[in-house]
C-alpha atoms as a PDB file:
ATOM      1  CA  MET A   1     -89.906 -27.193 -13.880  1.00  0.00           C
ATOM      2  CA  ALA A   2     -88.074 -24.666 -11.707  1.00  0.00           C
ATOM      3  CA  ASP A   3     -88.295 -20.947 -12.403  1.00  0.00           C
ATOM      4  CA  PRO A   4     -85.035 -20.035 -14.234  1.00  0.00           C
ATOM      5  CA  THR A   5     -85.074 -16.517 -12.750  1.00  0.00           C
ATOM      6  CA  GLU A   6     -85.211 -17.736  -9.147  1.00  0.00           C
ATOM      7  CA  PRO A   7     -82.080 -16.703  -7.226  1.00  0.00           C
ATOM      8  CA  SER A   8     -80.327 -19.968  -6.489  1.00  0.00           C
ATOM      9  CA  ILE A   9     -76.909 -21.509  -6.290  1.00  0.00           C
ATOM     10  CA  GLU A  10     -78.247 -25.029  -6.183  1.00  0.00           C
ATOM     11  CA  ARG A  11     -78.364 -25.197  -9.953  1.00  0.00           C
ATOM     12  CA  HIS A  12     -74.886 -25.750 -11.277  1.00  0.00           C
ATOM     13  CA  GLY A  13     -73.318 -23.215  -8.887  1.00  0.00           C
ATOM     14  CA  THR A  14     -74.964 -20.274 -10.645  1.00  0.00           C
ATOM     15  CA  LEU A  15     -76.674 -17.294  -9.046  1.00  0.00           C
ATOM     16  CA  THR A  16     -79.007 -15.465 -11.381  1.00  0.00           C
ATOM     17  CA  GLY A  17     -78.737 -11.717 -11.851  1.00  0.00           C
ATOM     18  CA  GLN A  18     -79.444  -9.810  -8.660  1.00  0.00           C
ATOM     19  CA  VAL A  19     -80.776  -6.270  -8.629  1.00  0.00           C
ATOM     20  CA  PRO A  20     -81.285  -3.723  -5.828  1.00  0.00           C
ATOM     21  CA  TYR A  21     -84.399  -4.019  -3.676  1.00  0.00           C
ATOM     22  CA  ASP A  22     -84.614  -0.376  -2.503  1.00  0.00           C
ATOM     23  CA  LEU A  23     -85.016   1.792  -5.568  1.00  0.00           C
ATOM     24  CA  THR A  24     -85.152   4.992  -3.530  1.00  0.00           C
ATOM     25  CA  ASP A  25     -81.341   4.816  -3.541  1.00  0.00           C
ATOM     26  CA  LYS A  26     -80.350   6.379  -6.858  1.00  0.00           C
ATOM     27  CA  SER A  27     -76.581   5.945  -6.433  1.00  0.00           C
ATOM     28  CA  TYR A  28     -74.450   3.261  -8.047  1.00  0.00           C
ATOM     29  CA  LYS A  29     -72.612   2.720  -4.757  1.00  0.00           C
ATOM     30  CA  GLY A  30     -75.809   2.278  -2.751  1.00  0.00           C
ATOM     31  CA  GLN A  31     -77.422  -0.056  -5.264  1.00  0.00           C
ATOM     32  CA  THR A  32     -74.204  -2.084  -5.548  1.00  0.00           C
ATOM     33  CA  GLU A  33     -74.007  -2.430  -1.759  1.00  0.00           C
ATOM     34  CA  GLN A  34     -77.619  -3.662  -1.702  1.00  0.00           C
ATOM     35  CA  VAL A  35     -76.946  -6.274  -4.376  1.00  0.00           C
ATOM     36  CA  LEU A  36     -73.749  -7.483  -2.685  1.00  0.00           C
ATOM     37  CA  LYS A  37     -75.582  -7.840   0.635  1.00  0.00           C
ATOM     38  CA  LEU A  38     -78.269  -9.882  -1.131  1.00  0.00           C
ATOM     39  CA  ILE A  39     -75.577 -12.056  -2.749  1.00  0.00           C
ATOM     40  CA  ASP A  40     -74.013 -12.671   0.694  1.00  0.00           C
ATOM     41  CA  THR A  41     -77.381 -13.833   2.030  1.00  0.00           C
ATOM     42  CA  ILE A  42     -78.128 -16.117  -0.909  1.00  0.00           C
ATOM     43  CA  LEU A  43     -74.630 -17.625  -0.842  1.00  0.00           C
ATOM     44  CA  GLU A  44     -74.887 -18.305   2.892  1.00  0.00           C
ATOM     45  CA  GLU A  45     -78.310 -19.915   2.493  1.00  0.00           C
ATOM     46  CA  GLY A  46     -76.865 -22.104  -0.261  1.00  0.00           C
ATOM     47  CA  GLY A  47     -73.886 -23.282   1.782  1.00  0.00           C
ATOM     48  CA  SER A  48     -71.255 -21.049   0.233  1.00  0.00           C
ATOM     49  CA  SER A  49     -69.641 -17.639   0.681  1.00  0.00           C
ATOM     50  CA  LYS A  50     -67.986 -14.882  -1.313  1.00  0.00           C
ATOM     51  CA  LYS A  51     -64.618 -16.628  -0.955  1.00  0.00           C
ATOM     52  CA  ASN A  52     -66.043 -19.322  -3.274  1.00  0.00           C
ATOM     53  CA  ILE A  53     -67.129 -16.977  -6.063  1.00  0.00           C
ATOM     54  CA  LEU A  54     -65.456 -18.030  -9.296  1.00  0.00           C
ATOM     55  CA  LYS A  55     -66.873 -15.560 -11.816  1.00  0.00           C
ATOM     56  CA  VAL A  56     -68.781 -12.269 -11.675  1.00  0.00           C
ATOM     57  CA  CYS A  57     -70.601 -10.524 -14.486  1.00  0.00           C
ATOM     58  CA  SER A  58     -71.765  -7.030 -13.572  1.00  0.00           C
ATOM     59  CA  PHE A  59     -74.067  -4.852 -15.624  1.00  0.00           C
ATOM     60  CA  LEU A  60     -74.122  -1.077 -15.138  1.00  0.00           C
ATOM     61  CA  ARG A  61     -76.614   1.247 -16.763  1.00  0.00           C
ATOM     62  CA  SER A  62     -73.730   3.631 -17.506  1.00  0.00           C
ATOM     63  CA  ILE A  63     -70.038   2.794 -17.183  1.00  0.00           C
ATOM     64  CA  ASP A  64     -69.116   6.496 -17.375  1.00  0.00           C
ATOM     65  CA  GLU A  65     -71.504   7.477 -14.573  1.00  0.00           C
ATOM     66  CA  GLY A  66     -71.214   4.421 -12.357  1.00  0.00           C
ATOM     67  CA  ALA A  67     -67.860   2.651 -12.605  1.00  0.00           C
ATOM     68  CA  ASP A  68     -66.104   4.574  -9.819  1.00  0.00           C
ATOM     69  CA  GLU A  69     -68.944   4.107  -7.309  1.00  0.00           C
ATOM     70  CA  TYR A  70     -69.452   0.476  -8.332  1.00  0.00           C
ATOM     71  CA  ASN A  71     -65.737  -0.266  -7.946  1.00  0.00           C
ATOM     72  CA  ALA A  72     -65.616   1.449  -4.531  1.00  0.00           C
ATOM     73  CA  ALA A  73     -68.464  -0.727  -3.239  1.00  0.00           C
ATOM     74  CA  TRP A  74     -66.955  -3.850  -4.822  1.00  0.00           C
ATOM     75  CA  ASP A  75     -63.484  -3.166  -3.383  1.00  0.00           C
ATOM     76  CA  ALA A  76     -64.913  -2.686   0.122  1.00  0.00           C
ATOM     77  CA  TRP A  77     -66.863  -5.974  -0.125  1.00  0.00           C
ATOM     78  CA  CYS A  78     -64.700  -8.457  -2.015  1.00  0.00           C
ATOM     79  CA  ASP A  79     -62.438 -11.078  -0.451  1.00  0.00           C
ATOM     80  CA  ARG A  80     -58.949  -9.921  -1.456  1.00  0.00           C
ATOM     81  CA  GLU A  81     -57.518 -13.413  -0.863  1.00  0.00           C
ATOM     82  CA  ASN A  82     -59.980 -15.022  -3.288  1.00  0.00           C
ATOM     83  CA  LEU A  83     -60.681 -12.569  -6.093  1.00  0.00           C
ATOM     84  CA  PRO A  84     -62.901 -13.992  -8.829  1.00  0.00           C
ATOM     85  CA  VAL A  85     -62.626 -13.073 -12.481  1.00  0.00           C
ATOM     86  CA  ARG A  86     -64.963 -10.168 -13.200  1.00  0.00           C
ATOM     87  CA  THR A  87     -66.500  -8.609 -16.268  1.00  0.00           C
ATOM     88  CA  THR A  88     -68.361  -5.296 -16.176  1.00  0.00           C
ATOM     89  CA  ILE A  89     -70.676  -4.446 -19.053  1.00  0.00           C
ATOM     90  CA  GLU A  90     -72.777  -1.381 -19.834  1.00  0.00           C
ATOM     91  CA  ALA A  91     -76.351  -2.524 -20.411  1.00  0.00           C
ATOM     92  CA  LYS A  92     -79.969  -1.449 -20.565  1.00  0.00           C
ATOM     93  CA  LEU A  93     -81.402  -3.137 -17.479  1.00  0.00           C
ATOM     94  CA  MET A  94     -84.884  -4.541 -16.904  1.00  0.00           C
ATOM     95  CA  SER A  95     -86.128  -1.377 -15.168  1.00  0.00           C
ATOM     96  CA  PRO A  96     -84.862   2.167 -15.783  1.00  0.00           C
ATOM     97  CA  GLU A  97     -84.524   2.504 -11.984  1.00  0.00           C
ATOM     98  CA  PHE A  98     -81.939  -0.292 -11.838  1.00  0.00           C
ATOM     99  CA  LEU A  99     -78.390   1.015 -12.081  1.00  0.00           C
ATOM    100  CA  VAL A 100     -76.676  -2.285 -11.264  1.00  0.00           C
ATOM    101  CA  GLU A 101     -77.238  -5.998 -11.833  1.00  0.00           C
ATOM    102  CA  ILE A 102     -74.758  -8.676 -10.782  1.00  0.00           C
ATOM    103  CA  ASP A 103     -74.708 -12.386 -11.500  1.00  0.00           C
ATOM    104  CA  ILE A 104     -72.160 -14.855 -10.226  1.00  0.00           C
ATOM    105  CA  VAL A 105     -70.892 -18.397 -10.441  1.00  0.00           C
ATOM    106  CA  ALA A 106     -69.796 -19.815  -7.085  1.00  0.00           C
ATOM    107  CA  ALA A 107     -68.659 -23.178  -5.805  1.00  0.00           C
ATOM    108  CA  VAL A 108     -70.806 -24.762  -3.115  1.00  0.00           C
ATOM    109  CA  GLN A 109     -68.854 -26.003  -0.092  1.00  0.00           C
END
């Protein structure tokens, strides 16, 4: 049986929650940029791209502290011609160093 936490879009078009890889960056903007770059890579490897993202669920450790920086990074990255639906939720993440986690549903080309 496959590991359900493995980042993959081969399973029903779903990409599991992605978190930042460089925890020395303590900013919401920096961690969001890291996660979005990782999502780009995984989508490309799976035969898709951000223009095919259908749904995004983002988790922030603190909406009050992080929403502006998160939204700035998102707005700079997203495909304005193909905006997915997006939910942003305040949540206690797996590690206290994580400020951002993003999971997506994308169509595979």
